[in-house]
Amino acid sequence: MTAEFVPVQDRILFRVSTREKHEYRVWLTRRLVKKLWGVAVRSFEAEPEVQAQAQPHVRNAVLSMKHQQAVQGSDFSQKHQADTKPAPEMNEPLLATGVKISRTEQGGVQVVFLTVEGRAVNLNLNEEMLHALCHILQGAADRAGWDLQLSVGDAGVVMRADANVLH
Protein backbone atom coordinates (compact mmCIF):
# COMPACT_ATOMS: atom_id res chain seq x y z
CA MET A 1 0.00 0.00 0.00
CA THR A 2 1.23 3.46 -0.83
CA ALA A 3 -0.33 6.92 -0.85
CA GLU A 4 1.13 9.81 -2.78
CA PHE A 5 -0.19 13.36 -3.00
CA VAL A 6 -0.51 14.50 -6.62
CA PRO A 7 -0.65 18.33 -6.56
CA VAL A 8 -2.05 18.80 -10.06
CA GLN A 9 -5.04 16.63 -9.07
CA ASP A 10 -5.18 17.91 -5.46
CA ARG A 11 -5.80 14.27 -4.58
CA ILE A 12 -4.01 11.36 -3.01
CA LEU A 13 -3.25 8.44 -5.29
CA PHE A 14 -3.72 5.33 -3.17
CA ARG A 15 -2.17 2.20 -4.65
CA VAL A 16 -2.45 -1.34 -3.42
CA SER A 17 -1.17 -4.52 -5.05
CA THR A 18 -2.49 -8.05 -4.79
CA ARG A 19 -0.43 -11.20 -4.40
CA GLU A 20 -0.93 -11.72 -8.14
CA LYS A 21 0.79 -8.33 -8.64
CA HIS A 22 -2.36 -6.60 -9.88
CA GLU A 23 -2.36 -2.96 -8.88
CA TYR A 24 -5.50 -1.09 -7.85
CA ARG A 25 -5.25 2.69 -7.98
CA VAL A 26 -7.81 4.91 -6.31
CA TRP A 27 -7.98 8.70 -6.13
CA LEU A 28 -8.81 9.94 -2.63
CA THR A 29 -10.09 13.48 -2.14
CA ARG A 30 -9.63 15.55 1.01
CA ARG A 31 -13.30 15.03 1.87
CA LEU A 32 -13.02 11.25 1.50
CA VAL A 33 -9.82 11.02 3.59
CA LYS A 34 -11.56 12.99 6.34
CA LYS A 35 -14.55 10.63 6.19
CA LEU A 36 -12.34 7.53 6.12
CA TRP A 37 -10.43 8.81 9.13
CA GLY A 38 -13.61 9.25 11.16
CA VAL A 39 -14.83 5.76 10.28
CA ALA A 40 -11.43 4.21 11.07
CA VAL A 41 -11.14 5.96 14.44
CA ARG A 42 -14.66 4.78 15.38
CA SER A 43 -13.55 1.27 14.44
CA PHE A 44 -10.49 1.59 16.70
CA GLU A 45 -12.64 2.97 19.53
CA ALA A 46 -14.91 -0.10 19.30
CA GLU A 47 -12.07 -2.46 20.19
CA PRO A 48 -12.77 -4.25 23.50
CA GLU A 49 -9.50 -3.12 25.10
CA VAL A 50 -10.43 0.52 24.42
CA GLN A 51 -14.10 0.11 25.41
CA ALA A 52 -13.08 -1.45 28.74
CA GLN A 53 -11.69 1.89 29.92
CA ALA A 54 -14.23 3.87 31.95
CA GLN A 55 -12.54 7.26 31.81
CA PRO A 56 -12.42 9.09 28.47
CA HIS A 57 -8.83 10.30 28.94
CA VAL A 58 -7.66 6.75 29.66
CA ARG A 59 -9.61 5.48 26.63
CA ASN A 60 -7.85 8.06 24.46
CA ALA A 61 -4.46 7.10 25.87
CA VAL A 62 -5.06 3.38 25.24
CA LEU A 63 -6.25 4.19 21.72
CA SER A 64 -3.11 6.21 21.04
CA MET A 65 -0.80 3.54 22.48
CA LYS A 66 -2.43 0.78 20.42
CA HIS A 67 -2.06 2.91 17.29
CA GLN A 68 1.60 3.67 18.01
CA GLN A 69 2.35 -0.01 18.67
CA ALA A 70 0.73 -1.04 15.38
CA VAL A 71 2.54 1.67 13.41
CA GLN A 72 5.91 0.84 14.99
CA GLY A 73 5.40 -2.81 14.12
CA SER A 74 4.83 -1.98 10.44
CA ASP A 75 7.50 -1.84 7.75
CA PHE A 76 7.17 1.38 5.74
CA SER A 77 10.61 1.11 4.14
CA GLN A 78 9.45 -0.83 1.09
CA LYS A 79 8.62 1.15 -2.02
CA HIS A 80 5.70 0.23 -4.23
CA GLN A 81 6.62 -2.68 -6.48
CA ALA A 82 7.50 -1.62 -10.02
CA ASP A 83 6.62 -4.96 -11.60
CA THR A 84 2.88 -4.70 -10.99
CA LYS A 85 0.29 -4.51 -13.75
CA PRO A 86 -3.03 -2.68 -13.70
CA ALA A 87 -5.91 -4.69 -12.30
CA PRO A 88 -8.23 -6.16 -14.96
CA GLU A 89 -10.34 -3.53 -16.72
CA MET A 90 -8.59 -0.72 -14.86
CA ASN A 91 -6.46 1.53 -17.03
CA GLU A 92 -6.95 4.73 -15.04
CA PRO A 93 -7.25 5.28 -11.29
CA LEU A 94 -10.79 5.13 -9.91
CA LEU A 95 -12.27 8.11 -8.05
CA ALA A 96 -13.47 7.09 -4.59
CA THR A 97 -16.71 8.75 -3.49
CA GLY A 98 -17.40 6.69 -0.38
CA VAL A 99 -15.79 4.31 2.06
CA LYS A 100 -17.05 1.62 4.41
CA ILE A 101 -15.19 -0.19 7.16
CA SER A 102 -16.59 -3.31 8.75
CA ARG A 103 -15.45 -6.24 10.86
CA THR A 104 -15.36 -9.68 9.28
CA GLU A 105 -16.51 -12.87 10.97
CA GLN A 106 -12.86 -13.97 11.13
CA GLY A 107 -11.94 -10.88 13.17
CA GLY A 108 -10.41 -8.95 10.30
CA VAL A 109 -11.32 -5.58 8.90
CA GLN A 110 -12.77 -4.93 5.46
CA VAL A 111 -12.29 -1.51 3.89
CA VAL A 112 -14.41 -0.86 0.79
CA PHE A 113 -13.80 2.14 -1.44
CA LEU A 114 -16.91 2.94 -3.48
CA THR A 115 -16.13 4.71 -6.74
CA VAL A 116 -17.88 7.11 -9.08
CA GLU A 117 -17.41 4.47 -11.78
CA GLY A 118 -19.73 2.14 -9.84
CA ARG A 119 -16.95 -0.21 -8.78
CA ALA A 120 -15.83 -1.22 -5.32
CA VAL A 121 -12.25 -1.80 -4.26
CA ASN A 122 -12.22 -4.20 -1.29
CA LEU A 123 -9.30 -4.46 1.10
CA ASN A 124 -9.23 -7.28 3.62
CA LEU A 125 -6.90 -6.17 6.39
CA ASN A 126 -6.01 -7.08 9.92
CA GLU A 127 -6.17 -4.48 12.69
CA GLU A 128 -2.47 -3.58 12.37
CA MET A 129 -2.83 -3.05 8.63
CA LEU A 130 -5.74 -0.65 9.19
CA HIS A 131 -3.53 1.33 11.57
CA ALA A 132 -0.78 1.28 8.91
CA LEU A 133 -3.25 2.48 6.25
CA CYS A 134 -4.21 5.38 8.51
CA HIS A 135 -0.55 6.22 9.09
CA ILE A 136 0.13 6.22 5.34
CA LEU A 137 -2.87 8.46 4.65
CA GLN A 138 -1.97 10.76 7.52
CA GLY A 139 1.47 11.34 6.00
CA ALA A 140 0.05 11.95 2.52
CA ALA A 141 -2.58 14.37 3.88
CA ASP A 142 0.12 16.24 5.81
CA ARG A 143 2.27 16.50 2.66
CA ALA A 144 -0.80 17.78 0.81
CA GLY A 145 -1.17 20.61 3.31
CA TRP A 146 -4.85 19.77 3.84
CA ASP A 147 -4.84 20.81 7.54
CA LEU A 148 -6.93 17.80 8.56
CA GLN A 149 -5.09 17.34 11.88
CA LEU A 150 -5.55 13.57 11.75
CA SER A 151 -4.75 11.71 14.96
CA VAL A 152 -5.72 8.55 16.79
CA GLY A 153 -6.32 9.10 20.47
CA ASP A 154 -4.19 11.47 22.47
CA ALA A 155 -0.90 10.21 23.87
CA GLY A 156 -0.48 13.29 26.07
CA VAL A 157 -3.90 13.08 27.65
CA VAL A 158 -2.80 10.90 30.60
CA MET A 159 -0.15 13.42 31.63
CA ARG A 160 -1.68 15.61 34.29
CA ALA A 161 -0.40 18.86 35.72
CA ASP A 162 0.30 17.06 39.01
CA ALA A 163 2.18 14.22 37.28
CA ASN A 164 5.52 15.54 38.50
CA VAL A 165 4.49 15.25 42.17
CA LEU A 166 5.83 12.12 43.85
CA HIS A 167 3.94 10.53 46.71
C-alpha atoms as a PDB file:
ATOM      1  CA  MET A   1       0.000   0.000   0.000  1.00  0.00           C
ATOM      2  CA  THR A   2       1.234   3.464  -0.826  1.00  0.00           C
ATOM      3  CA  ALA A   3      -0.328   6.915  -0.847  1.00  0.00           C
ATOM      4  CA  GLU A   4       1.126   9.808  -2.784  1.00  0.00           C
ATOM      5  CA  PHE A   5      -0.189  13.358  -3.004  1.00  0.00           C
ATOM      6  CA  VAL A   6      -0.511  14.503  -6.623  1.00  0.00           C
ATOM      7  CA  PRO A   7      -0.646  18.332  -6.561  1.00  0.00           C
ATOM      8  CA  VAL A   8      -2.049  18.800 -10.061  1.00  0.00           C
ATOM      9  CA  GLN A   9      -5.045  16.633  -9.071  1.00  0.00           C
ATOM     10  CA  ASP A  10      -5.179  17.907  -5.457  1.00  0.00           C
ATOM     11  CA  ARG A  11      -5.804  14.269  -4.582  1.00  0.00           C
ATOM     12  CA  ILE A  12      -4.014  11.360  -3.014  1.00  0.00           C
ATOM     13  CA  LEU A  13      -3.253   8.441  -5.291  1.00  0.00           C
ATOM     14  CA  PHE A  14      -3.719   5.329  -3.172  1.00  0.00           C
ATOM     15  CA  ARG A  15      -2.173   2.195  -4.649  1.00  0.00           C
ATOM     16  CA  VAL A  16      -2.453  -1.342  -3.423  1.00  0.00           C
ATOM     17  CA  SER A  17      -1.172  -4.520  -5.051  1.00  0.00           C
ATOM     18  CA  THR A  18      -2.495  -8.050  -4.786  1.00  0.00           C
ATOM     19  CA  ARG A  19      -0.426 -11.197  -4.403  1.00  0.00           C
ATOM     20  CA  GLU A  20      -0.929 -11.715  -8.143  1.00  0.00           C
ATOM     21  CA  LYS A  21       0.787  -8.326  -8.637  1.00  0.00           C
ATOM     22  CA  HIS A  22      -2.363  -6.600  -9.877  1.00  0.00           C
ATOM     23  CA  GLU A  23      -2.364  -2.959  -8.878  1.00  0.00           C
ATOM     24  CA  TYR A  24      -5.502  -1.093  -7.851  1.00  0.00           C
ATOM     25  CA  ARG A  25      -5.248   2.686  -7.982  1.00  0.00           C
ATOM     26  CA  VAL A  26      -7.805   4.908  -6.310  1.00  0.00           C
ATOM     27  CA  TRP A  27      -7.985   8.697  -6.129  1.00  0.00           C
ATOM     28  CA  LEU A  28      -8.808   9.938  -2.634  1.00  0.00           C
ATOM     29  CA  THR A  29     -10.089  13.477  -2.136  1.00  0.00           C
ATOM     30  CA  ARG A  30      -9.629  15.547   1.010  1.00  0.00           C
ATOM     31  CA  ARG A  31     -13.302  15.026   1.865  1.00  0.00           C
ATOM     32  CA  LEU A  32     -13.015  11.254   1.497  1.00  0.00           C
ATOM     33  CA  VAL A  33      -9.821  11.023   3.592  1.00  0.00           C
ATOM     34  CA  LYS A  34     -11.557  12.990   6.343  1.00  0.00           C
ATOM     35  CA  LYS A  35     -14.553  10.635   6.190  1.00  0.00           C
ATOM     36  CA  LEU A  36     -12.337   7.532   6.121  1.00  0.00           C
ATOM     37  CA  TRP A  37     -10.434   8.814   9.127  1.00  0.00           C
ATOM     38  CA  GLY A  38     -13.605   9.254  11.158  1.00  0.00           C
ATOM     39  CA  VAL A  39     -14.828   5.761  10.279  1.00  0.00           C
ATOM     40  CA  ALA A  40     -11.427   4.212  11.066  1.00  0.00           C
ATOM     41  CA  VAL A  41     -11.144   5.959  14.445  1.00  0.00           C
ATOM     42  CA  ARG A  42     -14.658   4.784  15.378  1.00  0.00           C
ATOM     43  CA  SER A  43     -13.547   1.272  14.444  1.00  0.00           C
ATOM     44  CA  PHE A  44     -10.489   1.588  16.697  1.00  0.00           C
ATOM     45  CA  GLU A  45     -12.637   2.969  19.526  1.00  0.00           C
ATOM     46  CA  ALA A  46     -14.907  -0.096  19.300  1.00  0.00           C
ATOM     47  CA  GLU A  47     -12.066  -2.463  20.195  1.00  0.00           C
ATOM     48  CA  PRO A  48     -12.773  -4.247  23.504  1.00  0.00           C
ATOM     49  CA  GLU A  49      -9.497  -3.119  25.104  1.00  0.00           C
ATOM     50  CA  VAL A  50     -10.425   0.516  24.425  1.00  0.00           C
ATOM     51  CA  GLN A  51     -14.098   0.106  25.409  1.00  0.00           C
ATOM     52  CA  ALA A  52     -13.081  -1.451  28.738  1.00  0.00           C
ATOM     53  CA  GLN A  53     -11.689   1.893  29.917  1.00  0.00           C
ATOM     54  CA  ALA A  54     -14.234   3.867  31.947  1.00  0.00           C
ATOM     55  CA  GLN A  55     -12.544   7.265  31.814  1.00  0.00           C
ATOM     56  CA  PRO A  56     -12.417   9.092  28.467  1.00  0.00           C
ATOM     57  CA  HIS A  57      -8.830  10.299  28.937  1.00  0.00           C
ATOM     58  CA  VAL A  58      -7.662   6.751  29.659  1.00  0.00           C
ATOM     59  CA  ARG A  59      -9.610   5.477  26.631  1.00  0.00           C
ATOM     60  CA  ASN A  60      -7.852   8.060  24.457  1.00  0.00           C
ATOM     61  CA  ALA A  61      -4.457   7.103  25.866  1.00  0.00           C
ATOM     62  CA  VAL A  62      -5.061   3.383  25.242  1.00  0.00           C
ATOM     63  CA  LEU A  63      -6.255   4.189  21.720  1.00  0.00           C
ATOM     64  CA  SER A  64      -3.113   6.209  21.042  1.00  0.00           C
ATOM     65  CA  MET A  65      -0.802   3.543  22.479  1.00  0.00           C
ATOM     66  CA  LYS A  66      -2.432   0.782  20.420  1.00  0.00           C
ATOM     67  CA  HIS A  67      -2.060   2.913  17.288  1.00  0.00           C
ATOM     68  CA  GLN A  68       1.598   3.671  18.014  1.00  0.00           C
ATOM     69  CA  GLN A  69       2.351  -0.005  18.671  1.00  0.00           C
ATOM     70  CA  ALA A  70       0.732  -1.037  15.384  1.00  0.00           C
ATOM     71  CA  VAL A  71       2.540   1.666  13.409  1.00  0.00           C
ATOM     72  CA  GLN A  72       5.912   0.839  14.991  1.00  0.00           C
ATOM     73  CA  GLY A  73       5.403  -2.808  14.115  1.00  0.00           C
ATOM     74  CA  SER A  74       4.827  -1.985  10.437  1.00  0.00           C
ATOM     75  CA  ASP A  75       7.495  -1.839   7.745  1.00  0.00           C
ATOM     76  CA  PHE A  76       7.174   1.378   5.738  1.00  0.00           C
ATOM     77  CA  SER A  77      10.614   1.110   4.141  1.00  0.00           C
ATOM     78  CA  GLN A  78       9.449  -0.832   1.086  1.00  0.00           C
ATOM     79  CA  LYS A  79       8.623   1.155  -2.021  1.00  0.00           C
ATOM     80  CA  HIS A  80       5.701   0.230  -4.226  1.00  0.00           C
ATOM     81  CA  GLN A  81       6.618  -2.676  -6.476  1.00  0.00           C
ATOM     82  CA  ALA A  82       7.499  -1.621 -10.020  1.00  0.00           C
ATOM     83  CA  ASP A  83       6.618  -4.964 -11.599  1.00  0.00           C
ATOM     84  CA  THR A  84       2.878  -4.699 -10.985  1.00  0.00           C
ATOM     85  CA  LYS A  85       0.289  -4.515 -13.754  1.00  0.00           C
ATOM     86  CA  PRO A  86      -3.034  -2.680 -13.697  1.00  0.00           C
ATOM     87  CA  ALA A  87      -5.914  -4.690 -12.300  1.00  0.00           C
ATOM     88  CA  PRO A  88      -8.229  -6.162 -14.956  1.00  0.00           C
ATOM     89  CA  GLU A  89     -10.342  -3.526 -16.724  1.00  0.00           C
ATOM     90  CA  MET A  90      -8.590  -0.718 -14.865  1.00  0.00           C
ATOM     91  CA  ASN A  91      -6.458   1.531 -17.033  1.00  0.00           C
ATOM     92  CA  GLU A  92      -6.954   4.731 -15.040  1.00  0.00           C
ATOM     93  CA  PRO A  93      -7.247   5.283 -11.285  1.00  0.00           C
ATOM     94  CA  LEU A  94     -10.790   5.130  -9.912  1.00  0.00           C
ATOM     95  CA  LEU A  95     -12.267   8.107  -8.050  1.00  0.00           C
ATOM     96  CA  ALA A  96     -13.468   7.090  -4.595  1.00  0.00           C
ATOM     97  CA  THR A  97     -16.707   8.751  -3.491  1.00  0.00           C
ATOM     98  CA  GLY A  98     -17.402   6.691  -0.382  1.00  0.00           C
ATOM     99  CA  VAL A  99     -15.790   4.310   2.063  1.00  0.00           C
ATOM    100  CA  LYS A 100     -17.053   1.617   4.412  1.00  0.00           C
ATOM    101  CA  ILE A 101     -15.185  -0.187   7.159  1.00  0.00           C
ATOM    102  CA  SER A 102     -16.593  -3.314   8.751  1.00  0.00           C
ATOM    103  CA  ARG A 103     -15.450  -6.243  10.861  1.00  0.00           C
ATOM    104  CA  THR A 104     -15.359  -9.684   9.275  1.00  0.00           C
ATOM    105  CA  GLU A 105     -16.512 -12.873  10.967  1.00  0.00           C
ATOM    106  CA  GLN A 106     -12.865 -13.965  11.131  1.00  0.00           C
ATOM    107  CA  GLY A 107     -11.942 -10.882  13.172  1.00  0.00           C
ATOM    108  CA  GLY A 108     -10.406  -8.951  10.299  1.00  0.00           C
ATOM    109  CA  VAL A 109     -11.318  -5.580   8.895  1.00  0.00           C
ATOM    110  CA  GLN A 110     -12.773  -4.930   5.460  1.00  0.00           C
ATOM    111  CA  VAL A 111     -12.293  -1.511   3.886  1.00  0.00           C
ATOM    112  CA  VAL A 112     -14.413  -0.860   0.791  1.00  0.00           C
ATOM    113  CA  PHE A 113     -13.797   2.141  -1.443  1.00  0.00           C
ATOM    114  CA  LEU A 114     -16.915   2.938  -3.485  1.00  0.00           C
ATOM    115  CA  THR A 115     -16.132   4.714  -6.737  1.00  0.00           C
ATOM    116  CA  VAL A 116     -17.875   7.110  -9.082  1.00  0.00           C
ATOM    117  CA  GLU A 117     -17.411   4.473 -11.782  1.00  0.00           C
ATOM    118  CA  GLY A 118     -19.728   2.144  -9.844  1.00  0.00           C
ATOM    119  CA  ARG A 119     -16.948  -0.212  -8.776  1.00  0.00           C
ATOM    120  CA  ALA A 120     -15.829  -1.217  -5.318  1.00  0.00           C
ATOM    121  CA  VAL A 121     -12.245  -1.798  -4.262  1.00  0.00           C
ATOM    122  CA  ASN A 122     -12.218  -4.196  -1.293  1.00  0.00           C
ATOM    123  CA  LEU A 123      -9.299  -4.456   1.095  1.00  0.00           C
ATOM    124  CA  ASN A 124      -9.226  -7.276   3.623  1.00  0.00           C
ATOM    125  CA  LEU A 125      -6.896  -6.174   6.392  1.00  0.00           C
ATOM    126  CA  ASN A 126      -6.006  -7.084   9.923  1.00  0.00           C
ATOM    127  CA  GLU A 127      -6.166  -4.484  12.688  1.00  0.00           C
ATOM    128  CA  GLU A 128      -2.469  -3.581  12.370  1.00  0.00           C
ATOM    129  CA  MET A 129      -2.829  -3.052   8.634  1.00  0.00           C
ATOM    130  CA  LEU A 130      -5.739  -0.647   9.195  1.00  0.00           C
ATOM    131  CA  HIS A 131      -3.528   1.327  11.575  1.00  0.00           C
ATOM    132  CA  ALA A 132      -0.779   1.282   8.915  1.00  0.00           C
ATOM    133  CA  LEU A 133      -3.246   2.481   6.254  1.00  0.00           C
ATOM    134  CA  CYS A 134      -4.208   5.381   8.507  1.00  0.00           C
ATOM    135  CA  HIS A 135      -0.548   6.220   9.087  1.00  0.00           C
ATOM    136  CA  ILE A 136       0.134   6.225   5.339  1.00  0.00           C
ATOM    137  CA  LEU A 137      -2.874   8.457   4.646  1.00  0.00           C
ATOM    138  CA  GLN A 138      -1.966  10.756   7.523  1.00  0.00           C
ATOM    139  CA  GLY A 139       1.471  11.344   6.001  1.00  0.00           C
ATOM    140  CA  ALA A 140       0.048  11.949   2.524  1.00  0.00           C
ATOM    141  CA  ALA A 141      -2.579  14.368   3.882  1.00  0.00           C
ATOM    142  CA  ASP A 142       0.120  16.242   5.814  1.00  0.00           C
ATOM    143  CA  ARG A 143       2.270  16.505   2.662  1.00  0.00           C
ATOM    144  CA  ALA A 144      -0.797  17.781   0.814  1.00  0.00           C
ATOM    145  CA  GLY A 145      -1.171  20.612   3.314  1.00  0.00           C
ATOM    146  CA  TRP A 146      -4.845  19.771   3.836  1.00  0.00           C
ATOM    147  CA  ASP A 147      -4.842  20.808   7.540  1.00  0.00           C
ATOM    148  CA  LEU A 148      -6.934  17.805   8.564  1.00  0.00           C
ATOM    149  CA  GLN A 149      -5.088  17.339  11.884  1.00  0.00           C
ATOM    150  CA  LEU A 150      -5.545  13.570  11.746  1.00  0.00           C
ATOM    151  CA  SER A 151      -4.748  11.710  14.958  1.00  0.00           C
ATOM    152  CA  VAL A 152      -5.716   8.552  16.785  1.00  0.00           C
ATOM    153  CA  GLY A 153      -6.324   9.095  20.471  1.00  0.00           C
ATOM    154  CA  ASP A 154      -4.194  11.474  22.466  1.00  0.00           C
ATOM    155  CA  ALA A 155      -0.896  10.214  23.867  1.00  0.00           C
ATOM    156  CA  GLY A 156      -0.477  13.292  26.073  1.00  0.00           C
ATOM    157  CA  VAL A 157      -3.904  13.077  27.653  1.00  0.00           C
ATOM    158  CA  VAL A 158      -2.801  10.905  30.601  1.00  0.00           C
ATOM    159  CA  MET A 159      -0.146  13.416  31.631  1.00  0.00           C
ATOM    160  CA  ARG A 160      -1.680  15.612  34.293  1.00  0.00           C
ATOM    161  CA  ALA A 161      -0.400  18.865  35.721  1.00  0.00           C
ATOM    162  CA  ASP A 162       0.296  17.062  39.006  1.00  0.00           C
ATOM    163  CA  ALA A 163       2.181  14.225  37.277  1.00  0.00           C
ATOM    164  CA  ASN A 164       5.524  15.535  38.498  1.00  0.00           C
ATOM    165  CA  VAL A 165       4.487  15.245  42.171  1.00  0.00           C
ATOM    166  CA  LEU A 166       5.834  12.121  43.852  1.00  0.00           C
ATOM    167  CA  HIS A 167       3.936  10.532  46.709  1.00  0.00           C
END
